[in-house]
Amino acid sequence: TDKVHQTPTAILKGPEDKVQLNCSHTVPRYNMILWYQQSAQNTALKLIGYVRFTSPTVEDSFKGRFNVSGDAAPNKMVYLHIPKLRGAEDSAVYFCAASEAQCFTIPSLLYKNPL
């Protein structure tokens, strides 16, 4: 069966410490891994960022404090890095999810309109 695998399962760190979380999957044709944060104060899942193929993107609200990297292909590894923990603010449950990478083409960009 296809699976998403995240390590470590639990981690205990102090303020100013650095953290790396790892995520891999075995789903054929899935080339995107997304990272989410769920804090005790706000149980909504907040998107931290994602890796599409090998291209990383971090959401604006997490930029500068969190990094994502790696290869989102099956049986490869994607990483969530937190270089310096901010104590209670970063104390949360972190989830990774695998997804099919979406590819879009905008036809209007492919053809130059005549004047």
PDB file of N, CA and C in Angstrom:
ATOM      1  N   THR A   1       0.841  -1.206   0.000  1.00  0.00           N
ATOM      2  CA  THR A   1       0.000   0.000   0.000  1.00  0.00           C
ATOM      3  C   THR A   1       0.877   1.257   0.000  1.00  0.00           C
ATOM      4  N   ASP A   2       0.363   2.304  -0.631  1.00  0.00           N
ATOM      5  CA  ASP A   2       1.100   3.563  -0.696  1.00  0.00           C
ATOM      6  C   ASP A   2       1.008   4.291   0.635  1.00  0.00           C
ATOM      7  N   LYS A   3       2.132   4.891   1.019  1.00  0.00           N
ATOM      8  CA  LYS A   3       2.187   5.517   2.335  1.00  0.00           C
ATOM      9  C   LYS A   3       2.972   6.809   2.318  1.00  0.00           C
ATOM     10  N   VAL A   4       2.672   7.651   3.322  1.00  0.00           N
ATOM     11  CA  VAL A   4       3.485   8.833   3.624  1.00  0.00           C
ATOM     12  C   VAL A   4       4.158   8.553   4.960  1.00  0.00           C
ATOM     13  N   HIS A   5       5.452   8.804   5.029  1.00  0.00           N
ATOM     14  CA  HIS A   5       6.231   8.468   6.228  1.00  0.00           C
ATOM     15  C   HIS A   5       6.942   9.719   6.732  1.00  0.00           C
ATOM     16  N   GLN A   6       6.717  10.042   8.009  1.00  0.00           N
ATOM     17  CA  GLN A   6       7.308  11.249   8.600  1.00  0.00           C
ATOM     18  C   GLN A   6       8.132  10.879   9.827  1.00  0.00           C
ATOM     19  N   THR A   7       9.343  11.447   9.920  1.00  0.00           N
ATOM     20  CA  THR A   7      10.187  11.218  11.098  1.00  0.00           C
ATOM     21  C   THR A   7      10.822  12.539  11.536  1.00  0.00           C
ATOM     22  N   PRO A   8      11.159  12.684  12.806  1.00  0.00           N
ATOM     23  CA  PRO A   8      10.808  11.784  13.911  1.00  0.00           C
ATOM     24  C   PRO A   8       9.325  11.908  14.258  1.00  0.00           C
ATOM     25  N   THR A   9       8.794  10.907  14.959  1.00  0.00           N
ATOM     26  CA  THR A   9       7.373  10.940  15.313  1.00  0.00           C
ATOM     27  C   THR A   9       7.099  11.932  16.437  1.00  0.00           C
ATOM     28  N   ALA A  10       8.083  12.164  17.292  1.00  0.00           N
ATOM     29  CA  ALA A  10       7.955  13.158  18.365  1.00  0.00           C
ATOM     30  C   ALA A  10       9.324  13.772  18.615  1.00  0.00           C
ATOM     31  N   ILE A  11       9.318  15.022  19.044  1.00  0.00           N
ATOM     32  CA  ILE A  11      10.596  15.715  19.260  1.00  0.00           C
ATOM     33  C   ILE A  11      10.430  16.720  20.392  1.00  0.00           C
ATOM     34  N   LEU A  12      11.450  16.808  21.245  1.00  0.00           N
ATOM     35  CA  LEU A  12      11.425  17.744  22.367  1.00  0.00           C
ATOM     36  C   LEU A  12      12.665  18.622  22.284  1.00  0.00           C
ATOM     37  N   LYS A  13      12.448  19.907  22.085  1.00  0.00           N
ATOM     38  CA  LYS A  13      13.561  20.856  21.936  1.00  0.00           C
ATOM     39  C   LYS A  13      13.255  22.113  22.732  1.00  0.00           C
ATOM     40  N   GLY A  14      14.293  22.921  22.936  1.00  0.00           N
ATOM     41  CA  GLY A  14      14.121  24.179  23.654  1.00  0.00           C
ATOM     42  C   GLY A  14      14.212  25.373  22.722  1.00  0.00           C
ATOM     43  N   PRO A  15      13.878  26.570  23.236  1.00  0.00           N
ATOM     44  CA  PRO A  15      13.999  27.789  22.440  1.00  0.00           C
ATOM     45  C   PRO A  15      15.421  27.945  21.911  1.00  0.00           C
ATOM     46  N   GLU A  16      15.540  28.477  20.706  1.00  0.00           N
ATOM     47  CA  GLU A  16      16.823  28.704  20.027  1.00  0.00           C
ATOM     48  C   GLU A  16      17.392  27.437  19.384  1.00  0.00           C
ATOM     49  N   ASP A  17      16.830  26.254  19.730  1.00  0.00           N
ATOM     50  CA  ASP A  17      17.314  25.016  19.105  1.00  0.00           C
ATOM     51  C   ASP A  17      16.888  24.958  17.642  1.00  0.00           C
ATOM     52  N   LYS A  18      17.570  24.108  16.871  1.00  0.00           N
ATOM     53  CA  LYS A  18      17.159  23.897  15.480  1.00  0.00           C
ATOM     54  C   LYS A  18      16.513  22.525  15.348  1.00  0.00           C
ATOM     55  N   VAL A  19      15.628  22.406  14.366  1.00  0.00           N
ATOM     56  CA  VAL A  19      14.874  21.169  14.170  1.00  0.00           C
ATOM     57  C   VAL A  19      14.844  20.827  12.682  1.00  0.00           C
ATOM     58  N   GLN A  20      14.936  19.533  12.390  1.00  0.00           N
ATOM     59  CA  GLN A  20      14.700  19.060  11.020  1.00  0.00           C
ATOM     60  C   GLN A  20      13.694  17.921  11.068  1.00  0.00           C
ATOM     61  N   LEU A  21      12.621  18.049  10.293  1.00  0.00           N
ATOM     62  CA  LEU A  21      11.640  16.986  10.136  1.00  0.00           C
ATOM     63  C   LEU A  21      11.766  16.422   8.722  1.00  0.00           C
ATOM     64  N   ASN A  22      11.533  15.126   8.589  1.00  0.00           N
ATOM     65  CA  ASN A  22      11.727  14.435   7.317  1.00  0.00           C
ATOM     66  C   ASN A  22      10.417  13.809   6.849  1.00  0.00           C
ATOM     67  N   CYS A  23      10.202  13.822   5.537  1.00  0.00           N
ATOM     68  CA  CYS A  23       8.980  13.234   4.992  1.00  0.00           C
ATOM     69  C   CYS A  23       9.279  12.554   3.660  1.00  0.00           C
ATOM     70  N   SER A  24       8.723  11.359   3.488  1.00  0.00           N
ATOM     71  CA  SER A  24       8.845  10.654   2.211  1.00  0.00           C
ATOM     72  C   SER A  24       7.515   9.956   1.928  1.00  0.00           C
ATOM     73  N   HIS A  25       7.339   9.521   0.682  1.00  0.00           N
ATOM     74  CA  HIS A  25       6.110   8.818   0.317  1.00  0.00           C
ATOM     75  C   HIS A  25       6.424   7.769  -0.745  1.00  0.00           C
ATOM     76  N   THR A  26       5.453   6.895  -0.980  1.00  0.00           N
ATOM     77  CA  THR A  26       5.639   5.821  -1.962  1.00  0.00           C
ATOM     78  C   THR A  26       4.530   5.833  -3.016  1.00  0.00           C
ATOM     79  N   VAL A  27       3.893   6.979  -3.232  1.00  0.00           N
ATOM     80  CA  VAL A  27       2.752   7.055  -4.152  1.00  0.00           C
ATOM     81  C   VAL A  27       3.233   7.372  -5.569  1.00  0.00           C
ATOM     82  N   PRO A  28       3.048   6.457  -6.517  1.00  0.00           N
ATOM     83  CA  PRO A  28       3.484   6.736  -7.892  1.00  0.00           C
ATOM     84  C   PRO A  28       2.804   7.988  -8.441  1.00  0.00           C
ATOM     85  N   ARG A  29       3.521   8.768  -9.218  1.00  0.00           N
ATOM     86  CA  ARG A  29       3.036   9.990  -9.876  1.00  0.00           C
ATOM     87  C   ARG A  29       2.802  11.157  -8.917  1.00  0.00           C
ATOM     88  N   TYR A  30       3.024  10.973  -7.630  1.00  0.00           N
ATOM     89  CA  TYR A  30       2.917  12.108  -6.702  1.00  0.00           C
ATOM     90  C   TYR A  30       4.291  12.757  -6.593  1.00  0.00           C
ATOM     91  N   ASN A  31       4.360  14.051  -6.887  1.00  0.00           N
ATOM     92  CA  ASN A  31       5.639  14.767  -6.897  1.00  0.00           C
ATOM     93  C   ASN A  31       5.579  16.066  -6.111  1.00  0.00           C
ATOM     94  N   MET A  32       4.762  16.076  -5.066  1.00  0.00           N
ATOM     95  CA  MET A  32       4.622  17.275  -4.248  1.00  0.00           C
ATOM     96  C   MET A  32       4.427  16.855  -2.795  1.00  0.00           C
ATOM     97  N   ILE A  33       5.189  17.474  -1.899  1.00  0.00           N
ATOM     98  CA  ILE A  33       5.001  17.255  -0.463  1.00  0.00           C
ATOM     99  C   ILE A  33       4.757  18.601   0.188  1.00  0.00           C
ATOM    100  N   LEU A  34       3.707  18.652   1.006  1.00  0.00           N
ATOM    101  CA  LEU A  34       3.311  19.883   1.690  1.00  0.00           C
ATOM    102  C   LEU A  34       3.511  19.705   3.190  1.00  0.00           C
ATOM    103  N   TRP A  35       3.907  20.784   3.859  1.00  0.00           N
ATOM    104  CA  TRP A  35       4.090  20.776   5.312  1.00  0.00           C
ATOM    105  C   TRP A  35       3.048  21.691   5.960  1.00  0.00           C
ATOM    106  N   TYR A  36       2.420  21.198   7.040  1.00  0.00           N
ATOM    107  CA  TYR A  36       1.396  21.962   7.757  1.00  0.00           C
ATOM    108  C   TYR A  36       1.750  22.048   9.237  1.00  0.00           C
ATOM    109  N   GLN A  37       1.287  23.123   9.867  1.00  0.00           N
ATOM    110  CA  GLN A  37       1.462  23.315  11.309  1.00  0.00           C
ATOM    111  C   GLN A  37       0.087  23.396  11.963  1.00  0.00           C
ATOM    112  N   GLN A  38      -0.071  22.669  13.074  1.00  0.00           N
ATOM    113  CA  GLN A  38      -1.296  22.755  13.871  1.00  0.00           C
ATOM    114  C   GLN A  38      -0.898  23.065  15.306  1.00  0.00           C
ATOM    115  N   SER A  39      -1.176  24.292  15.738  1.00  0.00           N
ATOM    116  CA  SER A  39      -0.776  24.699  17.091  1.00  0.00           C
ATOM    117  C   SER A  39      -1.918  24.463  18.072  1.00  0.00           C
ATOM    118  N   ALA A  40      -1.576  24.415  19.351  1.00  0.00           N
ATOM    119  CA  ALA A  40      -2.583  24.172  20.385  1.00  0.00           C
ATOM    120  C   ALA A  40      -3.578  25.333  20.467  1.00  0.00           C
ATOM    121  N   GLN A  41      -3.081  26.558  20.251  1.00  0.00           N
ATOM    122  CA  GLN A  41      -3.934  27.742  20.338  1.00  0.00           C
ATOM    123  C   GLN A  41      -4.913  27.832  19.169  1.00  0.00           C
ATOM    124  N   ASN A  42      -4.467  27.370  17.986  1.00  0.00           N
ATOM    125  CA  ASN A  42      -5.294  27.453  16.784  1.00  0.00           C
ATOM    126  C   ASN A  42      -5.216  26.107  16.079  1.00  0.00           C
ATOM    127  N   THR A  43      -6.302  25.340  16.147  1.00  0.00           N
ATOM    128  CA  THR A  43      -6.252  23.965  15.637  1.00  0.00           C
ATOM    129  C   THR A  43      -6.370  23.882  14.114  1.00  0.00           C
ATOM    130  N   ALA A  44      -6.551  25.016  13.445  1.00  0.00           N
ATOM    131  CA  ALA A  44      -6.579  25.006  11.978  1.00  0.00           C
ATOM    132  C   ALA A  44      -5.208  24.585  11.454  1.00  0.00           C
ATOM    133  N   LEU A  45      -5.205  23.871  10.342  1.00  0.00           N
ATOM    134  CA  LEU A  45      -3.938  23.501   9.705  1.00  0.00           C
ATOM    135  C   LEU A  45      -3.434  24.685   8.891  1.00  0.00           C
ATOM    136  N   LYS A  46      -2.240  25.146   9.212  1.00  0.00           N
ATOM    137  CA  LYS A  46      -1.635  26.262   8.473  1.00  0.00           C
ATOM    138  C   LYS A  46      -0.569  25.706   7.539  1.00  0.00           C
ATOM    139  N   LEU A  47      -0.663  26.069   6.267  1.00  0.00           N
ATOM    140  CA  LEU A  47       0.332  25.619   5.297  1.00  0.00           C
ATOM    141  C   LEU A  47       1.632  26.379   5.524  1.00  0.00           C
ATOM    142  N   ILE A  48       2.703  25.642   5.805  1.00  0.00           N
ATOM    143  CA  ILE A  48       4.029  26.244   5.987  1.00  0.00           C
ATOM    144  C   ILE A  48       4.690  26.441   4.630  1.00  0.00           C
ATOM    145  N   GLY A  49       4.648  25.397   3.822  1.00  0.00           N
ATOM    146  CA  GLY A  49       5.278  25.443   2.512  1.00  0.00           C
ATOM    147  C   GLY A  49       5.227  24.074   1.875  1.00  0.00           C
ATOM    148  N   TYR A  50       5.828  23.971   0.702  1.00  0.00           N
ATOM    149  CA  TYR A  50       5.789  22.710  -0.028  1.00  0.00           C
ATOM    150  C   TYR A  50       6.977  22.610  -0.974  1.00  0.00           C
ATOM    151  N   VAL A  51       7.263  21.388  -1.375  1.00  0.00           N
ATOM    152  CA  VAL A  51       8.264  21.126  -2.412  1.00  0.00           C
ATOM    153  C   VAL A  51       7.529  20.473  -3.574  1.00  0.00           C
ATOM    154  N   ARG A  52       7.610  21.086  -4.735  1.00  0.00           N
ATOM    155  CA  ARG A  52       7.003  20.551  -5.963  1.00  0.00           C
ATOM    156  C   ARG A  52       8.144  20.069  -6.838  1.00  0.00           C
ATOM    157  N   PHE A  53       8.220  18.755  -7.078  1.00  0.00           N
ATOM    158  CA  PHE A  53       9.385  18.123  -7.695  1.00  0.00           C
ATOM    159  C   PHE A  53      10.604  18.428  -6.801  1.00  0.00           C
ATOM    160  N   THR A  54      11.480  19.356  -7.192  1.00  0.00           N
ATOM    161  CA  THR A  54      12.591  19.748  -6.300  1.00  0.00           C
ATOM    162  C   THR A  54      12.555  21.247  -6.014  1.00  0.00           C
ATOM    163  N   SER A  55      11.426  21.881  -6.334  1.00  0.00           N
ATOM    164  CA  SER A  55      11.316  23.337  -6.184  1.00  0.00           C
ATOM    165  C   SER A  55      10.598  23.699  -4.882  1.00  0.00           C
ATOM    166  N   PRO A  56      11.294  24.380  -3.942  1.00  0.00           N
ATOM    167  CA  PRO A  56      10.687  24.693  -2.647  1.00  0.00           C
ATOM    168  C   PRO A  56       9.944  26.032  -2.658  1.00  0.00           C
ATOM    169  N   THR A  57       8.853  26.096  -1.904  1.00  0.00           N
ATOM    170  CA  THR A  57       8.101  27.339  -1.697  1.00  0.00           C
ATOM    171  C   THR A  57       7.709  27.412  -0.229  1.00  0.00           C
ATOM    172  N   VAL A  58       7.969  28.550   0.412  1.00  0.00           N
ATOM    173  CA  VAL A  58       7.548  28.776   1.799  1.00  0.00           C
ATOM    174  C   VAL A  58       6.516  29.900   1.793  1.00  0.00           C
ATOM    175  N   GLU A  59       5.421  29.706   2.514  1.00  0.00           N
ATOM    176  CA  GLU A  59       4.374  30.720   2.603  1.00  0.00           C
ATOM    177  C   GLU A  59       4.906  31.969   3.308  1.00  0.00           C
ATOM    178  N   ASP A  60       4.351  33.123   2.938  1.00  0.00           N
ATOM    179  CA  ASP A  60       4.853  34.410   3.447  1.00  0.00           C
ATOM    180  C   ASP A  60       4.921  34.464   4.969  1.00  0.00           C
ATOM    181  N   SER A  61       3.902  33.933   5.651  1.00  0.00           N
ATOM    182  CA  SER A  61       3.858  34.034   7.119  1.00  0.00           C
ATOM    183  C   SER A  61       4.934  33.189   7.804  1.00  0.00           C
ATOM    184  N   PHE A  62       5.576  32.287   7.061  1.00  0.00           N
ATOM    185  CA  PHE A  62       6.634  31.445   7.630  1.00  0.00           C
ATOM    186  C   PHE A  62       8.009  31.751   7.042  1.00  0.00           C
ATOM    187  N   LYS A  63       8.061  32.636   6.059  1.00  0.00           N
ATOM    188  CA  LYS A  63       9.334  32.945   5.382  1.00  0.00           C
ATOM    189  C   LYS A  63      10.339  33.530   6.357  1.00  0.00           C
ATOM    190  N   GLY A  64      11.597  33.124   6.196  1.00  0.00           N
ATOM    191  CA  GLY A  64      12.658  33.643   7.044  1.00  0.00           C
ATOM    192  C   GLY A  64      12.860  32.853   8.318  1.00  0.00           C
ATOM    193  N   ARG A  65      11.850  32.074   8.714  1.00  0.00           N
ATOM    194  CA  ARG A  65      11.970  31.277   9.941  1.00  0.00           C
ATOM    195  C   ARG A  65      11.947  29.781   9.658  1.00  0.00           C
ATOM    196  N   PHE A  66      11.270  29.389   8.576  1.00  0.00           N
ATOM    197  CA  PHE A  66      11.146  27.982   8.205  1.00  0.00           C
ATOM    198  C   PHE A  66      11.677  27.809   6.789  1.00  0.00           C
ATOM    199  N   ASN A  67      12.278  26.647   6.528  1.00  0.00           N
ATOM    200  CA  ASN A  67      12.737  26.323   5.177  1.00  0.00           C
ATOM    201  C   ASN A  67      12.260  24.928   4.803  1.00  0.00           C
ATOM    202  N   VAL A  68      11.989  24.734   3.524  1.00  0.00           N
ATOM    203  CA  VAL A  68      11.689  23.401   3.010  1.00  0.00           C
ATOM    204  C   VAL A  68      12.671  23.095   1.882  1.00  0.00           C
ATOM    205  N   SER A  69      13.010  21.814   1.734  1.00  0.00           N
ATOM    206  CA  SER A  69      13.953  21.423   0.686  1.00  0.00           C
ATOM    207  C   SER A  69      13.775  19.943   0.392  1.00  0.00           C
ATOM    208  N   GLY A  70      14.479  19.478  -0.645  1.00  0.00           N
ATOM    209  CA  GLY A  70      14.481  18.056  -0.954  1.00  0.00           C
ATOM    210  C   GLY A  70      13.855  17.733  -2.293  1.00  0.00           C
ATOM    211  N   ASP A  71      13.506  16.465  -2.451  1.00  0.00           N
ATOM    212  CA  ASP A  71      12.951  15.937  -3.699  1.00  0.00           C
ATOM    213  C   ASP A  71      11.643  15.223  -3.363  1.00  0.00           C
ATOM    214  N   ALA A  72      10.538  15.684  -3.950  1.00  0.00           N
ATOM    215  CA  ALA A  72       9.215  15.154  -3.600  1.00  0.00           C
ATOM    216  C   ALA A  72       8.814  13.919  -4.406  1.00  0.00           C
ATOM    217  N   ALA A  73       9.732  13.368  -5.188  1.00  0.00           N
ATOM    218  CA  ALA A  73       9.428  12.149  -5.948  1.00  0.00           C
ATOM    219  C   ALA A  73       9.253  10.963  -4.993  1.00  0.00           C
ATOM    220  N   PRO A  74       8.551   9.914  -5.439  1.00  0.00           N
ATOM    221  CA  PRO A  74       8.394   8.734  -4.577  1.00  0.00           C
ATOM    222  C   PRO A  74       9.745   8.187  -4.107  1.00  0.00           C
ATOM    223  N   ASN A  75       9.783   7.781  -2.841  1.00  0.00           N
ATOM    224  CA  ASN A  75      10.967   7.184  -2.209  1.00  0.00           C
ATOM    225  C   ASN A  75      12.155   8.135  -2.070  1.00  0.00           C
ATOM    226  N   LYS A  76      11.935   9.421  -2.278  1.00  0.00           N
ATOM    227  CA  LYS A  76      12.954  10.438  -2.001  1.00  0.00           C
ATOM    228  C   LYS A  76      12.581  11.105  -0.681  1.00  0.00           C
ATOM    229  N   MET A  77      13.282  12.179  -0.307  1.00  0.00           N
ATOM    230  CA  MET A  77      13.054  12.797   0.996  1.00  0.00           C
ATOM    231  C   MET A  77      12.872  14.304   0.863  1.00  0.00           C
ATOM    232  N   VAL A  78      11.909  14.826   1.628  1.00  0.00           N
ATOM    233  CA  VAL A  78      11.697  16.275   1.734  1.00  0.00           C
ATOM    234  C   VAL A  78      11.869  16.654   3.200  1.00  0.00           C
ATOM    235  N   TYR A  79      12.432  17.835   3.427  1.00  0.00           N
ATOM    236  CA  TYR A  79      12.791  18.266   4.781  1.00  0.00           C
ATOM    237  C   TYR A  79      12.089  19.570   5.144  1.00  0.00           C
ATOM    238  N   LEU A  80      11.720  19.665   6.416  1.00  0.00           N
ATOM    239  CA  LEU A  80      11.279  20.934   6.999  1.00  0.00           C
ATOM    240  C   LEU A  80      12.337  21.333   8.013  1.00  0.00           C
ATOM    241  N   HIS A  81      12.944  22.497   7.816  1.00  0.00           N
ATOM    242  CA  HIS A  81      13.987  22.993   8.718  1.00  0.00           C
ATOM    243  C   HIS A  81      13.442  24.180   9.510  1.00  0.00           C
ATOM    244  N   ILE A  82      13.650  24.146  10.809  1.00  0.00           N
ATOM    245  CA  ILE A  82      13.388  25.319  11.654  1.00  0.00           C
ATOM    246  C   ILE A  82      14.733  25.662  12.290  1.00  0.00           C
ATOM    247  N   PRO A  83      15.429  26.677  11.759  1.00  0.00           N
ATOM    248  CA  PRO A  83      16.795  26.957  12.232  1.00  0.00           C
ATOM    249  C   PRO A  83      16.861  27.421  13.681  1.00  0.00           C
ATOM    250  N   LYS A  84      15.818  28.139  14.151  1.00  0.00           N
ATOM    251  CA  LYS A  84      15.851  28.652  15.524  1.00  0.00           C
ATOM    252  C   LYS A  84      14.425  28.679  16.078  1.00  0.00           C
ATOM    253  N   LEU A  85      14.148  27.761  16.998  1.00  0.00           N
ATOM    254  CA  LEU A  85      12.800  27.667  17.568  1.00  0.00           C
ATOM    255  C   LEU A  85      12.446  28.902  18.386  1.00  0.00           C
ATOM    256  N   ARG A  86      11.175  29.274  18.304  1.00  0.00           N
ATOM    257  CA  ARG A  86      10.676  30.410  19.081  1.00  0.00           C
ATOM    258  C   ARG A  86       9.798  29.950  20.243  1.00  0.00           C
ATOM    259  N   GLY A  87      10.194  28.901  20.904  1.00  0.00           N
ATOM    260  CA  GLY A  87       9.469  28.445  22.092  1.00  0.00           C
ATOM    261  C   GLY A  87       8.025  28.089  21.804  1.00  0.00           C
ATOM    262  N   ALA A  88       7.112  28.655  22.605  1.00  0.00           N
ATOM    263  CA  ALA A  88       5.694  28.299  22.534  1.00  0.00           C
ATOM    264  C   ALA A  88       5.103  28.557  21.156  1.00  0.00           C
ATOM    265  N   GLU A  89       5.587  29.568  20.484  1.00  0.00           N
ATOM    266  CA  GLU A  89       5.054  29.922  19.155  1.00  0.00           C
ATOM    267  C   GLU A  89       5.208  28.781  18.147  1.00  0.00           C
ATOM    268  N   ASP A  90       6.304  28.043  18.256  1.00  0.00           N
ATOM    269  CA  ASP A  90       6.568  26.951  17.317  1.00  0.00           C
ATOM    270  C   ASP A  90       6.206  25.580  17.882  1.00  0.00           C
ATOM    271  N   SER A  91       5.709  25.563  19.127  1.00  0.00           N
ATOM    272  CA  SER A  91       5.283  24.306  19.733  1.00  0.00           C
ATOM    273  C   SER A  91       3.965  23.890  19.080  1.00  0.00           C
ATOM    274  N   ALA A  92       3.994  22.801  18.319  1.00  0.00           N
ATOM    275  CA  ALA A  92       2.841  22.441  17.496  1.00  0.00           C
ATOM    276  C   ALA A  92       2.985  21.009  17.002  1.00  0.00           C
ATOM    277  N   VAL A  93       1.931  20.537  16.358  1.00  0.00           N
ATOM    278  CA  VAL A  93       1.993  19.284  15.618  1.00  0.00           C
ATOM    279  C   VAL A  93       2.261  19.652  14.162  1.00  0.00           C
ATOM    280  N   TYR A  94       3.228  18.972  13.560  1.00  0.00           N
ATOM    281  CA  TYR A  94       3.598  19.233  12.168  1.00  0.00           C
ATOM    282  C   TYR A  94       3.226  18.019  11.324  1.00  0.00           C
ATOM    283  N   PHE A  95       2.548  18.278  10.217  1.00  0.00           N
ATOM    284  CA  PHE A  95       2.104  17.217   9.314  1.00  0.00           C
ATOM    285  C   PHE A  95       2.736  17.402   7.945  1.00  0.00           C
ATOM    286  N   CYS A  96       3.058  16.297   7.299  1.00  0.00           N
ATOM    287  CA  CYS A  96       3.395  16.376   5.875  1.00  0.00           C
ATOM    288  C   CYS A  96       2.354  15.583   5.098  1.00  0.00           C
ATOM    289  N   ALA A  97       2.137  15.996   3.863  1.00  0.00           N
ATOM    290  CA  ALA A  97       1.165  15.340   2.991  1.00  0.00           C
ATOM    291  C   ALA A  97       1.741  15.245   1.588  1.00  0.00           C
ATOM    292  N   ALA A  98       1.435  14.163   0.902  1.00  0.00           N
ATOM    293  CA  ALA A  98       1.880  13.992  -0.484  1.00  0.00           C
ATOM    294  C   ALA A  98       0.716  14.287  -1.419  1.00  0.00           C
ATOM    295  N   SER A  99       1.038  14.859  -2.568  1.00  0.00           N
ATOM    296  CA  SER A  99       0.005  15.242  -3.524  1.00  0.00           C
ATOM    297  C   SER A  99       0.532  15.094  -4.943  1.00  0.00           C
ATOM    298  N   GLU A 100      -0.406  14.999  -5.875  1.00  0.00           N
ATOM    299  CA  GLU A 100      -0.040  15.040  -7.286  1.00  0.00           C
ATOM    300  C   GLU A 100       0.287  16.484  -7.621  1.00  0.00           C
ATOM    301  N   ALA A 101       1.390  16.717  -8.293  1.00  0.00           N
ATOM    302  CA  ALA A 101       1.755  18.081  -8.686  1.00  0.00           C
ATOM    303  C   ALA A 101       0.866  18.512  -9.838  1.00  0.00           C
ATOM    304  N   GLN A 102       0.258  19.683  -9.700  1.00  0.00           N
ATOM    305  CA  GLN A 102      -0.626  20.194 -10.745  1.00  0.00           C
ATOM    306  C   GLN A 102       0.178  21.012 -11.745  1.00  0.00           C
ATOM    307  N   CYS A 103      -0.090  20.810 -13.011  1.00  0.00           N
ATOM    308  CA  CYS A 103       0.561  21.579 -14.074  1.00  0.00           C
ATOM    309  C   CYS A 103      -0.513  22.318 -14.857  1.00  0.00           C
ATOM    310  N   PHE A 104      -0.355  23.617 -14.955  1.00  0.00           N
ATOM    311  CA  PHE A 104      -1.342  24.430 -15.663  1.00  0.00           C
ATOM    312  C   PHE A 104      -0.688  25.143 -16.832  1.00  0.00           C
ATOM    313  N   THR A 105      -1.434  25.277 -17.908  1.00  0.00           N
ATOM    314  CA  THR A 105      -0.987  26.071 -19.048  1.00  0.00           C
ATOM    315  C   THR A 105      -2.026  27.160 -19.279  1.00  0.00           C
ATOM    316  N   ILE A 106      -1.581  28.381 -19.421  1.00  0.00           N
ATOM    317  CA  ILE A 106      -2.497  29.488 -19.692  1.00  0.00           C
ATOM    318  C   ILE A 106      -2.371  29.833 -21.174  1.00  0.00           C
ATOM    319  N   PRO A 107      -3.383  29.466 -21.985  1.00  0.00           N
ATOM    320  CA  PRO A 107      -3.250  29.642 -23.438  1.00  0.00           C
ATOM    321  C   PRO A 107      -2.946  31.082 -23.858  1.00  0.00           C
ATOM    322  N   SER A 108      -3.487  32.062 -23.151  1.00  0.00           N
ATOM    323  CA  SER A 108      -3.281  33.459 -23.557  1.00  0.00           C
ATOM    324  C   SER A 108      -1.808  33.857 -23.500  1.00  0.00           C
ATOM    325  N   LEU A 109      -1.019  33.132 -22.735  1.00  0.00           N
ATOM    326  CA  LEU A 109       0.403  33.450 -22.656  1.00  0.00           C
ATOM    327  C   LEU A 109       1.191  32.800 -23.792  1.00  0.00           C
ATOM    328  N   LEU A 110       0.565  31.854 -24.487  1.00  0.00           N
ATOM    329  CA  LEU A 110       1.281  31.122 -25.523  1.00  0.00           C
ATOM    330  C   LEU A 110       1.226  31.817 -26.882  1.00  0.00           C
ATOM    331  N   TYR A 111       0.211  32.672 -27.071  1.00  0.00           N
ATOM    332  CA  TYR A 111       0.015  33.301 -28.373  1.00  0.00           C
ATOM    333  C   TYR A 111       0.013  34.807 -28.230  1.00  0.00           C
ATOM    334  N   LYS A 112       0.751  35.465 -29.084  1.00  0.00           N
ATOM    335  CA  LYS A 112       0.772  36.922 -29.061  1.00  0.00           C
ATOM    336  C   LYS A 112      -0.428  37.424 -29.851  1.00  0.00           C
ATOM    337  N   ASN A 113      -1.261  38.238 -29.220  1.00  0.00           N
ATOM    338  CA  ASN A 113      -2.431  38.770 -29.917  1.00  0.00           C
ATOM    339  C   ASN A 113      -2.007  39.792 -30.963  1.00  0.00           C
ATOM    340  N   PRO A 114      -2.577  39.708 -32.195  1.00  0.00           N
ATOM    341  CA  PRO A 114      -2.236  40.705 -33.220  1.00  0.00           C
ATOM    342  C   PRO A 114      -2.795  42.073 -32.843  1.00  0.00           C
ATOM    343  N   LEU A 115      -2.085  43.121 -33.193  1.00  0.00           N
ATOM    344  CA  LEU A 115      -2.535  44.488 -32.871  1.00  0.00           C
ATOM    345  C   LEU A 115      -3.625  44.931 -33.814  1.00  0.00           C
TER     346      LEU A 115
END
